Amino acid sequence: MNIATLVFPSTSGKKKDVSRFTVPAGQSILAAMESLRLPSGQPHVPVVNGKTEELAYILQPGDVVTFLPQIAGG
């Protein structure tokens, strides 16, 4: 299986609503987002298989990337 999965939280605010996209492995997270025409300027942190990564991370077969909203505090 030479694919990875991108999981985005819903914009509806409901925790169970997510969008899932299957993309070819071997490309960066950013390139995968661009190929899907997903906005990359959103303040989300990519978490690959439970570990925070940069958008330049090269997707490996079987990777699951979950995008978590950044939390700002003050």
Protein backbone atom coordinates (compact mmCIF):
# COMPACT_ATOMS: atom_id res chain seq x y z
CA MET A 1 0.00 0.00 0.00
CA ASN A 2 1.75 3.14 -1.21
CA ILE A 3 -0.74 5.65 0.20
CA ALA A 4 -1.11 7.96 3.17
CA THR A 5 -4.25 9.45 4.74
CA LEU A 6 -4.84 13.10 5.63
CA VAL A 7 -7.49 13.77 8.29
CA PHE A 8 -8.85 17.28 8.78
CA PRO A 9 -11.17 18.46 11.57
CA SER A 10 -14.57 19.69 10.51
CA THR A 11 -15.27 23.36 10.21
CA SER A 12 -18.76 22.67 11.57
CA GLY A 13 -17.40 22.45 15.10
CA LYS A 14 -18.66 18.90 15.62
CA LYS A 15 -15.94 16.64 16.98
CA LYS A 16 -17.03 13.57 15.01
CA ASP A 17 -17.09 15.37 11.65
CA VAL A 18 -13.79 14.96 9.82
CA SER A 19 -12.65 14.99 6.21
CA ARG A 20 -10.37 12.15 5.06
CA PHE A 21 -8.25 12.16 1.94
CA THR A 22 -6.09 9.35 0.56
CA VAL A 23 -2.94 10.56 -1.18
CA PRO A 24 0.13 8.92 -2.71
CA ALA A 25 3.08 8.48 -0.34
CA GLY A 26 6.47 9.92 -1.32
CA GLN A 27 5.43 13.56 -1.36
CA SER A 28 5.50 16.22 1.33
CA ILE A 29 2.46 16.99 3.43
CA LEU A 30 2.37 20.43 1.83
CA ALA A 31 2.48 18.98 -1.71
CA ALA A 32 -0.36 16.59 -0.83
CA MET A 33 -2.42 19.50 0.51
CA GLU A 34 -1.72 21.53 -2.63
CA SER A 35 -2.71 18.61 -4.89
CA LEU A 36 -6.04 18.44 -3.05
CA ARG A 37 -6.36 22.24 -3.21
CA LEU A 38 -6.59 22.43 0.55
CA PRO A 39 -5.62 25.69 2.28
CA SER A 40 -2.15 25.47 3.80
CA GLY A 41 -2.32 28.84 5.55
CA GLN A 42 -4.72 27.59 8.21
CA PRO A 43 -3.23 27.46 11.72
CA HIS A 44 -3.15 23.67 11.99
CA VAL A 45 -0.37 21.41 13.26
CA PRO A 46 0.24 18.20 11.29
CA VAL A 47 0.57 15.12 13.51
CA VAL A 48 1.91 12.05 11.69
CA ASN A 49 1.21 8.76 13.42
CA GLY A 50 1.02 10.59 16.77
CA LYS A 51 4.15 12.74 16.29
CA THR A 52 4.17 16.45 15.40
CA GLU A 53 5.84 17.06 12.03
CA GLU A 54 6.53 19.94 9.63
CA LEU A 55 4.68 20.44 6.34
CA ALA A 56 7.92 19.43 4.57
CA TYR A 57 7.68 15.90 6.05
CA ILE A 58 7.74 13.26 3.27
CA LEU A 59 4.76 10.94 3.56
CA GLN A 60 5.53 7.25 3.97
CA PRO A 61 3.20 4.38 3.02
CA GLY A 62 0.56 3.90 5.70
CA ASP A 63 1.10 7.30 7.37
CA VAL A 64 -1.94 8.92 8.92
CA VAL A 65 -1.70 12.71 9.19
CA THR A 66 -4.16 14.39 11.53
CA PHE A 67 -4.36 18.16 11.52
CA LEU A 68 -4.95 19.70 14.93
CA PRO A 69 -5.94 23.35 15.34
CA GLN A 70 -3.27 25.46 17.01
CA ILE A 71 -4.24 26.70 20.41
CA ALA A 72 -3.16 30.17 21.43
CA GLY A 73 -3.05 31.21 25.00
CA GLY A 74 -2.50 34.35 26.85
